[in-house]
N, C-alpha and C. Protein backbone atom coordinates (compact mmCIF):
# COMPACT_ATOMS: atom_id res chain seq x y z
N MET A 1 10.51 -26.98 109.09
CA MET A 1 11.54 -27.54 108.24
C MET A 1 12.33 -26.41 107.60
N LYS A 2 13.61 -26.47 107.76
CA LYS A 2 14.46 -25.45 107.17
C LYS A 2 14.85 -25.86 105.76
N LEU A 3 15.11 -24.88 104.94
CA LEU A 3 15.51 -25.15 103.56
C LEU A 3 17.03 -25.02 103.44
N ASP A 4 17.76 -25.83 104.20
CA ASP A 4 19.22 -25.78 104.17
C ASP A 4 19.80 -26.32 102.87
N PHE A 5 19.05 -27.17 102.20
CA PHE A 5 19.55 -27.79 100.98
C PHE A 5 19.37 -26.92 99.74
N LEU A 6 18.61 -25.85 99.84
CA LEU A 6 18.31 -25.02 98.67
C LEU A 6 19.55 -24.41 98.03
N PRO A 7 20.53 -23.86 98.77
CA PRO A 7 21.73 -23.36 98.10
C PRO A 7 22.49 -24.44 97.33
N ALA A 8 22.51 -25.65 97.86
CA ALA A 8 23.20 -26.74 97.15
C ALA A 8 22.48 -27.09 95.85
N VAL A 9 21.16 -27.07 95.88
CA VAL A 9 20.39 -27.37 94.66
C VAL A 9 20.61 -26.28 93.62
N LEU A 10 20.57 -25.03 94.05
CA LEU A 10 20.78 -23.93 93.11
C LEU A 10 22.19 -23.94 92.54
N LEU A 11 23.18 -24.27 93.37
CA LEU A 11 24.55 -24.36 92.89
C LEU A 11 24.70 -25.49 91.88
N THR A 12 24.04 -26.61 92.11
CA THR A 12 24.09 -27.73 91.17
C THR A 12 23.46 -27.35 89.84
N LEU A 13 22.29 -26.69 89.89
CA LEU A 13 21.64 -26.26 88.64
C LEU A 13 22.50 -25.26 87.89
N LEU A 14 23.09 -24.32 88.60
CA LEU A 14 23.92 -23.30 87.96
C LEU A 14 25.18 -23.92 87.36
N SER A 15 25.82 -24.82 88.09
CA SER A 15 27.04 -25.43 87.57
C SER A 15 26.77 -26.32 86.37
N SER A 16 25.64 -27.02 86.37
CA SER A 16 25.32 -27.85 85.21
C SER A 16 25.00 -26.99 84.00
N THR A 17 24.36 -25.85 84.22
CA THR A 17 24.05 -24.95 83.11
C THR A 17 25.32 -24.33 82.54
N VAL A 18 26.20 -23.88 83.41
CA VAL A 18 27.45 -23.25 82.96
C VAL A 18 28.33 -24.26 82.25
N SER A 19 28.43 -25.48 82.78
CA SER A 19 29.26 -26.49 82.14
C SER A 19 28.70 -26.89 80.78
N THR A 20 27.39 -26.93 80.65
CA THR A 20 26.78 -27.25 79.36
C THR A 20 27.08 -26.16 78.34
N LEU A 21 26.97 -24.90 78.76
CA LEU A 21 27.25 -23.80 77.84
C LEU A 21 28.73 -23.71 77.50
N THR A 22 29.59 -24.13 78.42
CA THR A 22 31.03 -24.09 78.17
C THR A 22 31.44 -25.06 77.08
N PHE A 23 30.87 -26.26 77.10
CA PHE A 23 31.25 -27.28 76.14
C PHE A 23 30.45 -27.20 74.84
N ALA A 24 29.46 -26.34 74.77
CA ALA A 24 28.68 -26.21 73.54
C ALA A 24 29.46 -25.38 72.53
N GLN A 25 29.35 -25.75 71.27
CA GLN A 25 30.06 -25.01 70.21
C GLN A 25 29.42 -23.63 70.03
N SER A 26 28.13 -23.61 69.83
CA SER A 26 27.42 -22.34 69.71
C SER A 26 26.01 -22.55 70.27
N PRO A 27 25.78 -22.13 71.51
CA PRO A 27 24.46 -22.35 72.11
C PRO A 27 23.38 -21.58 71.36
N ASP A 28 22.32 -22.27 71.02
CA ASP A 28 21.22 -21.65 70.30
C ASP A 28 20.39 -20.82 71.28
N SER A 29 19.99 -19.65 70.85
CA SER A 29 19.23 -18.75 71.73
C SER A 29 17.87 -19.34 72.08
N THR A 30 17.31 -20.15 71.19
CA THR A 30 16.02 -20.77 71.48
C THR A 30 16.11 -21.67 72.71
N TYR A 31 17.18 -22.46 72.78
CA TYR A 31 17.35 -23.34 73.93
C TYR A 31 17.59 -22.54 75.21
N MET A 32 18.31 -21.44 75.10
CA MET A 32 18.57 -20.62 76.28
C MET A 32 17.28 -19.98 76.79
N ILE A 33 16.43 -19.51 75.88
CA ILE A 33 15.16 -18.90 76.28
C ILE A 33 14.24 -19.96 76.89
N MET A 34 14.20 -21.13 76.27
CA MET A 34 13.36 -22.22 76.79
C MET A 34 13.86 -22.66 78.17
N GLY A 35 15.17 -22.78 78.33
CA GLY A 35 15.73 -23.16 79.63
C GLY A 35 15.46 -22.12 80.70
N GLY A 36 15.58 -20.84 80.32
CA GLY A 36 15.27 -19.77 81.27
C GLY A 36 13.81 -19.78 81.68
N GLY A 37 12.93 -20.04 80.72
CA GLY A 37 11.50 -20.12 81.02
C GLY A 37 11.19 -21.28 81.94
N LEU A 38 11.81 -22.43 81.67
CA LEU A 38 11.59 -23.59 82.54
C LEU A 38 12.13 -23.35 83.94
N LEU A 39 13.26 -22.68 84.03
CA LEU A 39 13.82 -22.36 85.35
C LEU A 39 12.90 -21.40 86.11
N LEU A 40 12.33 -20.43 85.41
CA LEU A 40 11.39 -19.50 86.04
C LEU A 40 10.15 -20.23 86.55
N VAL A 41 9.61 -21.13 85.73
CA VAL A 41 8.43 -21.90 86.15
C VAL A 41 8.77 -22.77 87.36
N PHE A 42 9.97 -23.35 87.37
CA PHE A 42 10.40 -24.18 88.49
C PHE A 42 10.49 -23.36 89.78
N VAL A 43 11.08 -22.18 89.69
CA VAL A 43 11.21 -21.31 90.87
C VAL A 43 9.84 -20.86 91.36
N LEU A 44 8.94 -20.50 90.45
CA LEU A 44 7.59 -20.09 90.85
C LEU A 44 6.82 -21.24 91.49
N ALA A 45 7.00 -22.45 90.98
CA ALA A 45 6.33 -23.61 91.57
C ALA A 45 6.82 -23.85 93.00
N ILE A 46 8.12 -23.69 93.22
CA ILE A 46 8.66 -23.85 94.58
C ILE A 46 8.09 -22.77 95.50
N TYR A 47 7.98 -21.55 95.00
CA TYR A 47 7.44 -20.45 95.80
C TYR A 47 5.98 -20.72 96.17
N VAL A 48 5.18 -21.15 95.21
CA VAL A 48 3.77 -21.43 95.47
C VAL A 48 3.63 -22.57 96.47
N PHE A 49 4.42 -23.62 96.30
CA PHE A 49 4.38 -24.74 97.24
C PHE A 49 4.74 -24.28 98.66
N TYR A 50 5.76 -23.44 98.78
CA TYR A 50 6.17 -22.93 100.08
C TYR A 50 5.06 -22.08 100.71
N GLU A 51 4.43 -21.22 99.93
CA GLU A 51 3.37 -20.36 100.46
C GLU A 51 2.14 -21.16 100.87
N ILE A 52 1.78 -22.18 100.10
CA ILE A 52 0.65 -23.03 100.46
C ILE A 52 0.95 -23.77 101.76
N ARG A 53 2.16 -24.30 101.88
CA ARG A 53 2.55 -25.02 103.09
C ARG A 53 2.52 -24.10 104.31
N ARG A 54 3.01 -22.88 104.13
CA ARG A 54 3.01 -21.91 105.24
C ARG A 54 1.58 -21.54 105.63
N SER A 55 0.70 -21.36 104.64
CA SER A 55 -0.69 -21.03 104.92
C SER A 55 -1.39 -22.15 105.66
N ILE A 56 -1.13 -23.39 105.26
CA ILE A 56 -1.74 -24.53 105.95
C ILE A 56 -1.23 -24.62 107.38
N GLN A 57 0.05 -24.39 107.58
CA GLN A 57 0.60 -24.44 108.94
C GLN A 57 -0.01 -23.36 109.83
N LEU A 58 -0.20 -22.17 109.29
CA LEU A 58 -0.82 -21.10 110.08
C LEU A 58 -2.27 -21.43 110.40
N HIS A 59 -2.97 -22.05 109.45
CA HIS A 59 -4.37 -22.40 109.66
C HIS A 59 -4.50 -23.52 110.70
N ILE A 60 -3.58 -24.47 110.67
CA ILE A 60 -3.64 -25.58 111.63
C ILE A 60 -3.36 -25.07 113.04
N ASN A 61 -2.49 -24.10 113.18
CA ASN A 61 -2.12 -23.60 114.51
C ASN A 61 -3.16 -22.67 115.13
N LYS A 62 -4.18 -22.27 114.35
CA LYS A 62 -5.22 -21.41 114.91
C LYS A 62 -6.07 -22.22 115.89
N PRO A 63 -6.48 -21.59 117.00
CA PRO A 63 -7.36 -22.31 117.94
C PRO A 63 -8.76 -22.46 117.35
N THR A 64 -9.40 -23.56 117.66
CA THR A 64 -10.76 -23.79 117.17
C THR A 64 -11.75 -23.08 118.08
N LYS A 65 -12.89 -22.72 117.52
CA LYS A 65 -13.91 -21.99 118.29
C LYS A 65 -14.89 -22.96 118.90
């Protein structure tokens, strides 16, 4: 399975973040730090899911003894 949709998802997240900050009067740094932390956790979760899936696929493709 290819991840062709990933650039579209990242562009959507980035555009929603930029538009929110554009219309905000004065963005609070606490919200920006919390949002950055949540984004980091989201990216790490995607990475872990991808690595687990890849590991399972490699294990399934191994010949049995």
